[in-house]
Amino acid sequence: MKMKTISTAALLIILSACTSEPSMTEQTDDGKVQSSNQENENAEAEKHETAQEQALTPEEVIAETEKQLSTDVPIKLPDTLNLNQGYHLTAKTVSDRDSYQIIFFQTEDVIPINNAKLDQLSDGSILAVLSGQHYDSNEAASEQISYQNFEEIGGKPVDLGYSITGYQDAGAGSVYLSWNEGRWAFTSRARTEDPDNLLTDSKKIVEFLESSTLPPPKMYGTGKFDTISEHSRDQILVWQEERTVYKIEKAEGALRTLEIAASIK
């Protein structure tokens, strides 16, 4: 009986060894041997990562982007960002203790946040650039704003609607229309030969601000908009919150810039 038991056990071991499927390996170009099982796992992981990126909404991308920042500056981000039909949102971030910058892109292909492919994109893919910067004092931050009271400066008065008066001025081939709303100062610019476009676009800005609220500055904020082309990216909105200065720039057109700012809570 004892001999029979030993023989049966030995037979089971031999059968087990024969039926076990050996792990397949292959040699890579650099001479390293890699398990095919490991390759399959890596491929599945990449597919999973891609699937996750494809599933992200603009709101989710914004939330994930915030996690990439390491800074003491209170982060200001919009609730959402409007994209062109069929495009995806992604971002590139830079941050340190006293500052951060986020470049938001809209792309036809899904590209993960901070992926090296973002460095190859043209400026036309930029949706907006948002940044925050700490300064040593409120006074130092205030110097970055360049707030002006245009009623005191003067110029040709222009009715912009909603009881707001703008002041027109010209110089160096450009015409400017400037006005104040609360603690904000705004200036639109156009070519000297296009004063009608300047007035029309400035009225659109005023109308937008009647139904939308910008972040409240402490003390002041300014907006400088280029209306020479509807696709112009020479737009900037900047405001102070004590010793921190926030900025939105490079968006396509004044209204898109203001839409982003109005979405910041």
C-alpha atoms as a PDB file:
ATOM      1  CA  MET A   1       0.000   0.000   0.000  1.00  0.00           C
ATOM      2  CA  LYS A   2       2.795   2.415   0.840  1.00  0.00           C
ATOM      3  CA  MET A   3       4.593   1.778  -2.460  1.00  0.00           C
ATOM      4  CA  LYS A   4       1.362   2.309  -4.420  1.00  0.00           C
ATOM      5  CA  THR A   5       0.742   5.636  -2.720  1.00  0.00           C
ATOM      6  CA  ILE A   6       4.238   6.900  -3.536  1.00  0.00           C
ATOM      7  CA  SER A   7       3.939   5.834  -7.174  1.00  0.00           C
ATOM      8  CA  THR A   8       0.588   7.576  -7.556  1.00  0.00           C
ATOM      9  CA  ALA A   9       1.987  10.784  -6.111  1.00  0.00           C
ATOM     10  CA  ALA A  10       4.975  10.678  -8.426  1.00  0.00           C
ATOM     11  CA  LEU A  11       2.720  10.105 -11.432  1.00  0.00           C
ATOM     12  CA  LEU A  12       0.615  13.160 -10.520  1.00  0.00           C
ATOM     13  CA  ILE A  13       3.721  15.331 -10.292  1.00  0.00           C
ATOM     14  CA  ILE A  14       4.897  14.179 -13.727  1.00  0.00           C
ATOM     15  CA  LEU A  15       1.469  14.782 -15.288  1.00  0.00           C
ATOM     16  CA  SER A  16       1.286  18.228 -13.709  1.00  0.00           C
ATOM     17  CA  ALA A  17       4.666  19.169 -15.134  1.00  0.00           C
ATOM     18  CA  CYS A  18       3.664  17.947 -18.585  1.00  0.00           C
ATOM     19  CA  THR A  19       0.389  19.841 -18.700  1.00  0.00           C
ATOM     20  CA  SER A  20       1.774  23.141 -17.340  1.00  0.00           C
ATOM     21  CA  GLU A  21       2.035  25.733 -20.104  1.00  0.00           C
ATOM     22  CA  PRO A  22       5.495  27.318 -20.181  1.00  0.00           C
ATOM     23  CA  SER A  23       5.741  31.124 -20.047  1.00  0.00           C
ATOM     24  CA  MET A  24       6.621  32.418 -23.511  1.00  0.00           C
ATOM     25  CA  THR A  25       9.439  34.897 -23.791  1.00  0.00           C
ATOM     26  CA  GLU A  26      10.864  36.892 -26.630  1.00  0.00           C
ATOM     27  CA  GLN A  27      13.919  38.997 -27.084  1.00  0.00           C
ATOM     28  CA  THR A  28      13.451  42.726 -27.619  1.00  0.00           C
ATOM     29  CA  ASP A  29      15.541  44.903 -29.958  1.00  0.00           C
ATOM     30  CA  ASP A  30      17.826  45.979 -27.125  1.00  0.00           C
ATOM     31  CA  GLY A  31      18.588  42.386 -26.164  1.00  0.00           C
ATOM     32  CA  LYS A  32      16.259  42.212 -23.166  1.00  0.00           C
ATOM     33  CA  VAL A  33      14.007  39.213 -22.715  1.00  0.00           C
ATOM     34  CA  GLN A  34      10.413  40.066 -21.892  1.00  0.00           C
ATOM     35  CA  SER A  35       7.571  37.800 -20.983  1.00  0.00           C
ATOM     36  CA  SER A  36       4.692  37.742 -23.458  1.00  0.00           C
ATOM     37  CA  ASN A  37       2.364  37.683 -20.475  1.00  0.00           C
ATOM     38  CA  GLN A  38       3.914  40.948 -19.267  1.00  0.00           C
ATOM     39  CA  GLU A  39       3.474  42.454 -22.740  1.00  0.00           C
ATOM     40  CA  ASN A  40      -0.187  41.559 -22.684  1.00  0.00           C
ATOM     41  CA  GLU A  41      -0.566  43.140 -19.264  1.00  0.00           C
ATOM     42  CA  ASN A  42       1.140  46.327 -20.464  1.00  0.00           C
ATOM     43  CA  ALA A  43      -1.086  46.467 -23.537  1.00  0.00           C
ATOM     44  CA  GLU A  44      -4.202  46.043 -21.422  1.00  0.00           C
ATOM     45  CA  ALA A  45      -3.029  48.786 -19.055  1.00  0.00           C
ATOM     46  CA  GLU A  46      -2.502  51.166 -21.989  1.00  0.00           C
ATOM     47  CA  LYS A  47      -5.960  50.363 -23.353  1.00  0.00           C
ATOM     48  CA  HIS A  48      -7.449  51.000 -19.913  1.00  0.00           C
ATOM     49  CA  GLU A  49      -5.661  54.340 -19.629  1.00  0.00           C
ATOM     50  CA  THR A  50      -6.870  55.385 -23.080  1.00  0.00           C
ATOM     51  CA  ALA A  51     -10.418  54.356 -22.252  1.00  0.00           C
ATOM     52  CA  GLN A  52     -10.283  56.436 -19.078  1.00  0.00           C
ATOM     53  CA  GLU A  53      -9.050  59.498 -20.986  1.00  0.00           C
ATOM     54  CA  GLN A  54     -11.762  59.107 -23.617  1.00  0.00           C
ATOM     55  CA  ALA A  55     -14.403  58.973 -20.912  1.00  0.00           C
ATOM     56  CA  LEU A  56     -13.373  62.270 -19.286  1.00  0.00           C
ATOM     57  CA  THR A  57     -15.711  65.228 -19.636  1.00  0.00           C
ATOM     58  CA  PRO A  58     -14.338  68.796 -19.678  1.00  0.00           C
ATOM     59  CA  GLU A  59     -15.334  69.085 -16.020  1.00  0.00           C
ATOM     60  CA  GLU A  60     -13.387  65.920 -15.179  1.00  0.00           C
ATOM     61  CA  VAL A  61     -10.334  67.117 -17.125  1.00  0.00           C
ATOM     62  CA  ILE A  62     -10.389  70.382 -15.165  1.00  0.00           C
ATOM     63  CA  ALA A  63     -10.560  68.449 -11.880  1.00  0.00           C
ATOM     64  CA  GLU A  64      -7.679  66.187 -12.926  1.00  0.00           C
ATOM     65  CA  THR A  65      -5.654  69.198 -14.060  1.00  0.00           C
ATOM     66  CA  GLU A  66      -5.960  70.796 -10.626  1.00  0.00           C
ATOM     67  CA  LYS A  67      -4.444  67.658  -9.090  1.00  0.00           C
ATOM     68  CA  GLN A  68      -1.304  68.215 -11.203  1.00  0.00           C
ATOM     69  CA  LEU A  69      -0.584  71.546  -9.525  1.00  0.00           C
ATOM     70  CA  SER A  70       1.676  71.909  -6.490  1.00  0.00           C
ATOM     71  CA  THR A  71       1.462  75.489  -5.228  1.00  0.00           C
ATOM     72  CA  ASP A  72       0.520  77.657  -2.259  1.00  0.00           C
ATOM     73  CA  VAL A  73      -1.462  79.966  -4.547  1.00  0.00           C
ATOM     74  CA  PRO A  74      -5.246  79.489  -4.213  1.00  0.00           C
ATOM     75  CA  ILE A  75      -6.187  77.897  -7.535  1.00  0.00           C
ATOM     76  CA  LYS A  76      -8.892  79.523  -9.643  1.00  0.00           C
ATOM     77  CA  LEU A  77     -10.434  77.334 -12.333  1.00  0.00           C
ATOM     78  CA  PRO A  78     -13.620  77.534 -14.412  1.00  0.00           C
ATOM     79  CA  ASP A  79     -16.442  75.091 -13.778  1.00  0.00           C
ATOM     80  CA  THR A  80     -16.304  74.023 -17.410  1.00  0.00           C
ATOM     81  CA  LEU A  81     -14.850  75.006 -20.777  1.00  0.00           C
ATOM     82  CA  ASN A  82     -16.784  75.079 -24.036  1.00  0.00           C
ATOM     83  CA  LEU A  83     -15.125  73.158 -26.851  1.00  0.00           C
ATOM     84  CA  ASN A  84     -15.607  73.067 -30.594  1.00  0.00           C
ATOM     85  CA  GLN A  85     -17.792  70.169 -31.727  1.00  0.00           C
ATOM     86  CA  GLY A  86     -15.917  66.851 -31.690  1.00  0.00           C
ATOM     87  CA  TYR A  87     -12.885  68.158 -29.789  1.00  0.00           C
ATOM     88  CA  HIS A  88     -11.370  66.957 -26.504  1.00  0.00           C
ATOM     89  CA  LEU A  89      -9.987  68.987 -23.607  1.00  0.00           C
ATOM     90  CA  THR A  90      -6.495  68.504 -22.227  1.00  0.00           C
ATOM     91  CA  ALA A  91      -3.902  70.637 -20.442  1.00  0.00           C
ATOM     92  CA  LYS A  92      -0.256  71.310 -19.703  1.00  0.00           C
ATOM     93  CA  THR A  93       0.701  72.565 -16.236  1.00  0.00           C
ATOM     94  CA  VAL A  94       3.646  74.292 -14.570  1.00  0.00           C
ATOM     95  CA  SER A  95       3.656  75.210 -10.883  1.00  0.00           C
ATOM     96  CA  ASP A  96       5.822  76.108  -7.912  1.00  0.00           C
ATOM     97  CA  ARG A  97       5.163  77.485  -4.449  1.00  0.00           C
ATOM     98  CA  ASP A  98       4.297  81.020  -5.592  1.00  0.00           C
ATOM     99  CA  SER A  99       2.787  80.488  -9.039  1.00  0.00           C
ATOM    100  CA  TYR A 100       1.012  78.209 -11.450  1.00  0.00           C
ATOM    101  CA  GLN A 101       0.176  78.215 -15.128  1.00  0.00           C
ATOM    102  CA  ILE A 102      -2.257  76.023 -17.046  1.00  0.00           C
ATOM    103  CA  ILE A 103      -2.420  75.885 -20.830  1.00  0.00           C
ATOM    104  CA  PHE A 104      -5.741  74.361 -21.863  1.00  0.00           C
ATOM    105  CA  PHE A 105      -5.881  72.790 -25.317  1.00  0.00           C
ATOM    106  CA  GLN A 106      -8.710  71.482 -27.455  1.00  0.00           C
ATOM    107  CA  THR A 107      -7.597  68.628 -29.694  1.00  0.00           C
ATOM    108  CA  GLU A 108      -9.187  66.273 -32.204  1.00  0.00           C
ATOM    109  CA  ASP A 109      -7.355  63.311 -30.679  1.00  0.00           C
ATOM    110  CA  VAL A 110      -7.424  62.362 -27.018  1.00  0.00           C
ATOM    111  CA  ILE A 111      -4.133  63.439 -25.396  1.00  0.00           C
ATOM    112  CA  PRO A 112      -3.513  62.905 -21.665  1.00  0.00           C
ATOM    113  CA  ILE A 113      -2.747  65.857 -19.394  1.00  0.00           C
ATOM    114  CA  ASN A 114       0.941  66.878 -19.485  1.00  0.00           C
ATOM    115  CA  ASN A 115       1.700  64.429 -22.290  1.00  0.00           C
ATOM    116  CA  ALA A 116       4.807  65.221 -24.358  1.00  0.00           C
ATOM    117  CA  LYS A 117       2.635  65.440 -27.504  1.00  0.00           C
ATOM    118  CA  LEU A 118       1.276  68.762 -26.233  1.00  0.00           C
ATOM    119  CA  ASP A 119       4.640  70.396 -26.938  1.00  0.00           C
ATOM    120  CA  GLN A 120       4.109  69.729 -30.655  1.00  0.00           C
ATOM    121  CA  LEU A 121       0.753  71.514 -30.901  1.00  0.00           C
ATOM    122  CA  SER A 122       0.337  74.885 -32.590  1.00  0.00           C
ATOM    123  CA  ASP A 123      -1.011  77.993 -30.864  1.00  0.00           C
ATOM    124  CA  GLY A 124      -4.265  77.391 -32.714  1.00  0.00           C
ATOM    125  CA  SER A 125      -4.934  74.436 -30.398  1.00  0.00           C
ATOM    126  CA  ILE A 126      -4.775  76.623 -27.289  1.00  0.00           C
ATOM    127  CA  LEU A 127      -8.142  77.231 -25.675  1.00  0.00           C
ATOM    128  CA  ALA A 128      -6.825  79.570 -22.976  1.00  0.00           C
ATOM    129  CA  VAL A 129      -3.912  80.115 -20.603  1.00  0.00           C
ATOM    130  CA  LEU A 130      -4.766  80.577 -16.913  1.00  0.00           C
ATOM    131  CA  SER A 131      -2.269  81.584 -14.258  1.00  0.00           C
ATOM    132  CA  GLY A 132      -1.929  82.746 -10.672  1.00  0.00           C
ATOM    133  CA  GLN A 133       1.031  84.552  -9.122  1.00  0.00           C
ATOM    134  CA  HIS A 134       1.781  85.509  -5.517  1.00  0.00           C
ATOM    135  CA  TYR A 135       3.585  88.813  -4.892  1.00  0.00           C
ATOM    136  CA  ASP A 136       5.349  90.062  -1.777  1.00  0.00           C
ATOM    137  CA  SER A 137       2.642  92.598  -0.972  1.00  0.00           C
ATOM    138  CA  ASN A 138      -0.743  93.927  -2.039  1.00  0.00           C
ATOM    139  CA  GLU A 139       1.003  96.961  -3.465  1.00  0.00           C
ATOM    140  CA  ALA A 140       3.317  94.851  -5.611  1.00  0.00           C
ATOM    141  CA  ALA A 141       0.336  92.879  -6.909  1.00  0.00           C
ATOM    142  CA  SER A 142      -1.591  96.076  -7.624  1.00  0.00           C
ATOM    143  CA  GLU A 143       1.195  97.323  -9.890  1.00  0.00           C
ATOM    144  CA  GLN A 144       0.457  94.420 -12.267  1.00  0.00           C
ATOM    145  CA  ILE A 145      -3.126  95.557 -12.890  1.00  0.00           C
ATOM    146  CA  SER A 146      -2.731  99.034 -14.485  1.00  0.00           C
ATOM    147  CA  TYR A 147      -6.256 100.057 -13.507  1.00  0.00           C
ATOM    148  CA  GLN A 148      -7.452 103.428 -14.855  1.00  0.00           C
ATOM    149  CA  ASN A 149     -10.511 105.589 -14.310  1.00  0.00           C
ATOM    150  CA  PHE A 150     -11.392 106.496 -17.895  1.00  0.00           C
ATOM    151  CA  GLU A 151     -13.915 109.168 -16.938  1.00  0.00           C
ATOM    152  CA  GLU A 152     -11.047 111.118 -15.397  1.00  0.00           C
ATOM    153  CA  ILE A 153      -8.754 110.498 -18.381  1.00  0.00           C
ATOM    154  CA  GLY A 154     -11.427 111.567 -20.849  1.00  0.00           C
ATOM    155  CA  GLY A 155     -11.784 111.148 -24.606  1.00  0.00           C
ATOM    156  CA  LYS A 156     -14.701 111.167 -27.019  1.00  0.00           C
ATOM    157  CA  PRO A 157     -17.784 109.932 -25.079  1.00  0.00           C
ATOM    158  CA  VAL A 158     -19.552 106.920 -26.619  1.00  0.00           C
ATOM    159  CA  ASP A 159     -22.829 105.398 -25.443  1.00  0.00           C
ATOM    160  CA  LEU A 160     -22.314 101.652 -24.926  1.00  0.00           C
ATOM    161  CA  GLY A 161     -25.816 100.995 -23.596  1.00  0.00           C
ATOM    162  CA  TYR A 162     -26.947  99.994 -20.106  1.00  0.00           C
ATOM    163  CA  SER A 163     -26.042 103.524 -18.862  1.00  0.00           C
ATOM    164  CA  ILE A 164     -22.332 102.890 -19.551  1.00  0.00           C
ATOM    165  CA  THR A 165     -20.223 105.521 -21.266  1.00  0.00           C
ATOM    166  CA  GLY A 166     -17.050 104.624 -23.081  1.00  0.00           C
ATOM    167  CA  TYR A 167     -14.266 107.000 -24.079  1.00  0.00           C
ATOM    168  CA  GLN A 168     -12.715 106.758 -27.526  1.00  0.00           C
ATOM    169  CA  ASP A 169      -9.118 107.607 -28.361  1.00  0.00           C
ATOM    170  CA  ALA A 170      -6.744 106.875 -31.218  1.00  0.00           C
ATOM    171  CA  GLY A 171      -3.042 106.552 -31.922  1.00  0.00           C
ATOM    172  CA  ALA A 172      -0.423 104.609 -33.907  1.00  0.00           C
ATOM    173  CA  GLY A 173      -2.929 103.254 -36.428  1.00  0.00           C
ATOM    174  CA  SER A 174      -5.330 101.968 -33.783  1.00  0.00           C
ATOM    175  CA  VAL A 175      -8.517 103.241 -32.200  1.00  0.00           C
ATOM    176  CA  TYR A 176      -9.398 102.475 -28.590  1.00  0.00           C
ATOM    177  CA  LEU A 177     -12.638 102.416 -26.639  1.00  0.00           C
ATOM    178  CA  SER A 178     -12.349 102.268 -22.839  1.00  0.00           C
ATOM    179  CA  TRP A 179     -14.830 102.163 -19.975  1.00  0.00           C
ATOM    180  CA  ASN A 180     -15.265 101.174 -16.322  1.00  0.00           C
ATOM    181  CA  GLU A 181     -17.697  98.761 -14.714  1.00  0.00           C
ATOM    182  CA  GLY A 182     -17.450  98.543 -10.941  1.00  0.00           C
ATOM    183  CA  ARG A 183     -13.841  97.732 -10.027  1.00  0.00           C
ATOM    184  CA  TRP A 184     -13.088  96.650 -13.598  1.00  0.00           C
ATOM    185  CA  ALA A 185     -11.539  98.707 -16.401  1.00  0.00           C
ATOM    186  CA  PHE A 186     -11.893  97.542 -20.020  1.00  0.00           C
ATOM    187  CA  THR A 187     -10.279  98.606 -23.291  1.00  0.00           C
ATOM    188  CA  SER A 188     -11.066  97.383 -26.802  1.00  0.00           C
ATOM    189  CA  ARG A 189      -8.771  98.026 -29.760  1.00  0.00           C
ATOM    190  CA  ALA A 190      -9.363  98.038 -33.519  1.00  0.00           C
ATOM    191  CA  ARG A 191      -7.722  99.470 -36.612  1.00  0.00           C
ATOM    192  CA  THR A 192      -8.291 103.157 -37.219  1.00  0.00           C
ATOM    193  CA  GLU A 193     -10.278 102.344 -40.367  1.00  0.00           C
ATOM    194  CA  ASP A 194     -12.658 100.016 -38.461  1.00  0.00           C
ATOM    195  CA  PRO A 195     -14.276 102.197 -35.747  1.00  0.00           C
ATOM    196  CA  ASP A 196     -17.699 100.655 -36.378  1.00  0.00           C
ATOM    197  CA  ASN A 197     -16.401  97.172 -35.575  1.00  0.00           C
ATOM    198  CA  LEU A 198     -14.870  98.544 -32.396  1.00  0.00           C
ATOM    199  CA  LEU A 199     -18.193  99.974 -31.240  1.00  0.00           C
ATOM    200  CA  THR A 200     -20.165  96.841 -32.149  1.00  0.00           C
ATOM    201  CA  ASP A 201     -17.774  94.478 -30.364  1.00  0.00           C
ATOM    202  CA  SER A 202     -17.516  96.713 -27.299  1.00  0.00           C
ATOM    203  CA  LYS A 203     -21.310  96.789 -27.002  1.00  0.00           C
ATOM    204  CA  LYS A 204     -21.331  92.966 -27.153  1.00  0.00           C
ATOM    205  CA  ILE A 205     -18.903  92.883 -24.226  1.00  0.00           C
ATOM    206  CA  VAL A 206     -21.062  95.274 -22.211  1.00  0.00           C
ATOM    207  CA  GLU A 207     -24.179  93.227 -23.002  1.00  0.00           C
ATOM    208  CA  PHE A 208     -22.446  89.988 -21.930  1.00  0.00           C
ATOM    209  CA  LEU A 209     -21.399  91.516 -18.630  1.00  0.00           C
ATOM    210  CA  GLU A 210     -24.969  92.590 -17.896  1.00  0.00           C
ATOM    211  CA  SER A 211     -25.965  88.926 -17.502  1.00  0.00           C
ATOM    212  CA  SER A 212     -22.667  87.417 -16.319  1.00  0.00           C
ATOM    213  CA  THR A 213     -20.534  88.015 -13.239  1.00  0.00           C
ATOM    214  CA  LEU A 214     -16.752  88.161 -13.276  1.00  0.00           C
ATOM    215  CA  PRO A 215     -14.630  87.200 -10.259  1.00  0.00           C
ATOM    216  CA  PRO A 216     -14.732  90.116  -7.772  1.00  0.00           C
ATOM    217  CA  PRO A 217     -11.295  91.771  -7.684  1.00  0.00           C
ATOM    218  CA  LYS A 218      -9.639  93.053  -4.530  1.00  0.00           C
ATOM    219  CA  MET A 219      -8.876  95.791  -5.431  1.00  0.00           C
ATOM    220  CA  TYR A 220      -9.085  96.051  -9.219  1.00  0.00           C
ATOM    221  CA  GLY A 221      -9.169  94.162 -12.507  1.00  0.00           C
ATOM    222  CA  THR A 222      -8.567  95.059 -16.158  1.00  0.00           C
ATOM    223  CA  GLY A 223      -9.488  93.587 -19.512  1.00  0.00           C
ATOM    224  CA  LYS A 224      -7.728  94.403 -22.774  1.00  0.00           C
ATOM    225  CA  PHE A 225      -9.344  93.044 -25.930  1.00  0.00           C
ATOM    226  CA  ASP A 226      -8.294  93.017 -29.569  1.00  0.00           C
ATOM    227  CA  THR A 227     -11.236  93.279 -31.985  1.00  0.00           C
ATOM    228  CA  ILE A 228      -9.219  93.474 -35.207  1.00  0.00           C
ATOM    229  CA  SER A 229     -10.173  89.852 -35.928  1.00  0.00           C
ATOM    230  CA  GLU A 230     -12.784  87.579 -34.371  1.00  0.00           C
ATOM    231  CA  HIS A 231     -10.037  84.955 -34.146  1.00  0.00           C
ATOM    232  CA  SER A 232      -7.519  87.251 -32.458  1.00  0.00           C
ATOM    233  CA  ARG A 233      -5.792  85.794 -29.406  1.00  0.00           C
ATOM    234  CA  ASP A 234      -4.458  89.142 -28.214  1.00  0.00           C
ATOM    235  CA  GLN A 235      -6.833  89.096 -25.247  1.00  0.00           C
ATOM    236  CA  ILE A 236      -6.032  89.437 -21.568  1.00  0.00           C
ATOM    237  CA  LEU A 237      -8.088  89.605 -18.393  1.00  0.00           C
ATOM    238  CA  VAL A 238      -6.229  90.172 -15.139  1.00  0.00           C
ATOM    239  CA  TRP A 239      -7.416  90.821 -11.597  1.00  0.00           C
ATOM    240  CA  GLN A 240      -6.008  91.162  -8.107  1.00  0.00           C
ATOM    241  CA  GLU A 241      -7.072  89.339  -4.969  1.00  0.00           C
ATOM    242  CA  GLU A 242      -4.941  90.990  -2.311  1.00  0.00           C
ATOM    243  CA  ARG A 243      -1.348  89.888  -3.035  1.00  0.00           C
ATOM    244  CA  THR A 244      -2.309  87.372  -5.718  1.00  0.00           C
ATOM    245  CA  VAL A 245      -2.809  88.215  -9.385  1.00  0.00           C
ATOM    246  CA  TYR A 246      -4.857  85.984 -11.672  1.00  0.00           C
ATOM    247  CA  LYS A 247      -4.739  86.101 -15.443  1.00  0.00           C
ATOM    248  CA  ILE A 248      -6.612  84.664 -18.433  1.00  0.00           C
ATOM    249  CA  GLU A 249      -5.040  85.114 -21.862  1.00  0.00           C
ATOM    250  CA  LYS A 250      -4.666  83.638 -25.375  1.00  0.00           C
ATOM    251  CA  ALA A 251      -8.359  82.757 -25.735  1.00  0.00           C
ATOM    252  CA  GLU A 252      -9.906  83.290 -29.159  1.00  0.00           C
ATOM    253  CA  GLY A 253     -11.856  86.525 -28.871  1.00  0.00           C
ATOM    254  CA  ALA A 254     -13.019  88.744 -26.051  1.00  0.00           C
ATOM    255  CA  LEU A 255     -16.286  86.918 -25.382  1.00  0.00           C
ATOM    256  CA  ARG A 256     -14.618  83.540 -24.967  1.00  0.00           C
ATOM    257  CA  THR A 257     -12.181  85.127 -22.515  1.00  0.00           C
ATOM    258  CA  LEU A 258     -15.062  86.561 -20.511  1.00  0.00           C
ATOM    259  CA  GLU A 259     -17.021  83.285 -20.637  1.00  0.00           C
ATOM    260  CA  ILE A 260     -14.099  81.490 -18.995  1.00  0.00           C
ATOM    261  CA  ALA A 261     -13.771  84.147 -16.311  1.00  0.00           C
ATOM    262  CA  ALA A 262     -17.503  84.120 -15.581  1.00  0.00           C
ATOM    263  CA  SER A 263     -17.333  80.335 -15.010  1.00  0.00           C
ATOM    264  CA  ILE A 264     -14.764  80.755 -12.219  1.00  0.00           C
ATOM    265  CA  LYS A 265     -16.360  80.556  -8.779  1.00  0.00           C
END
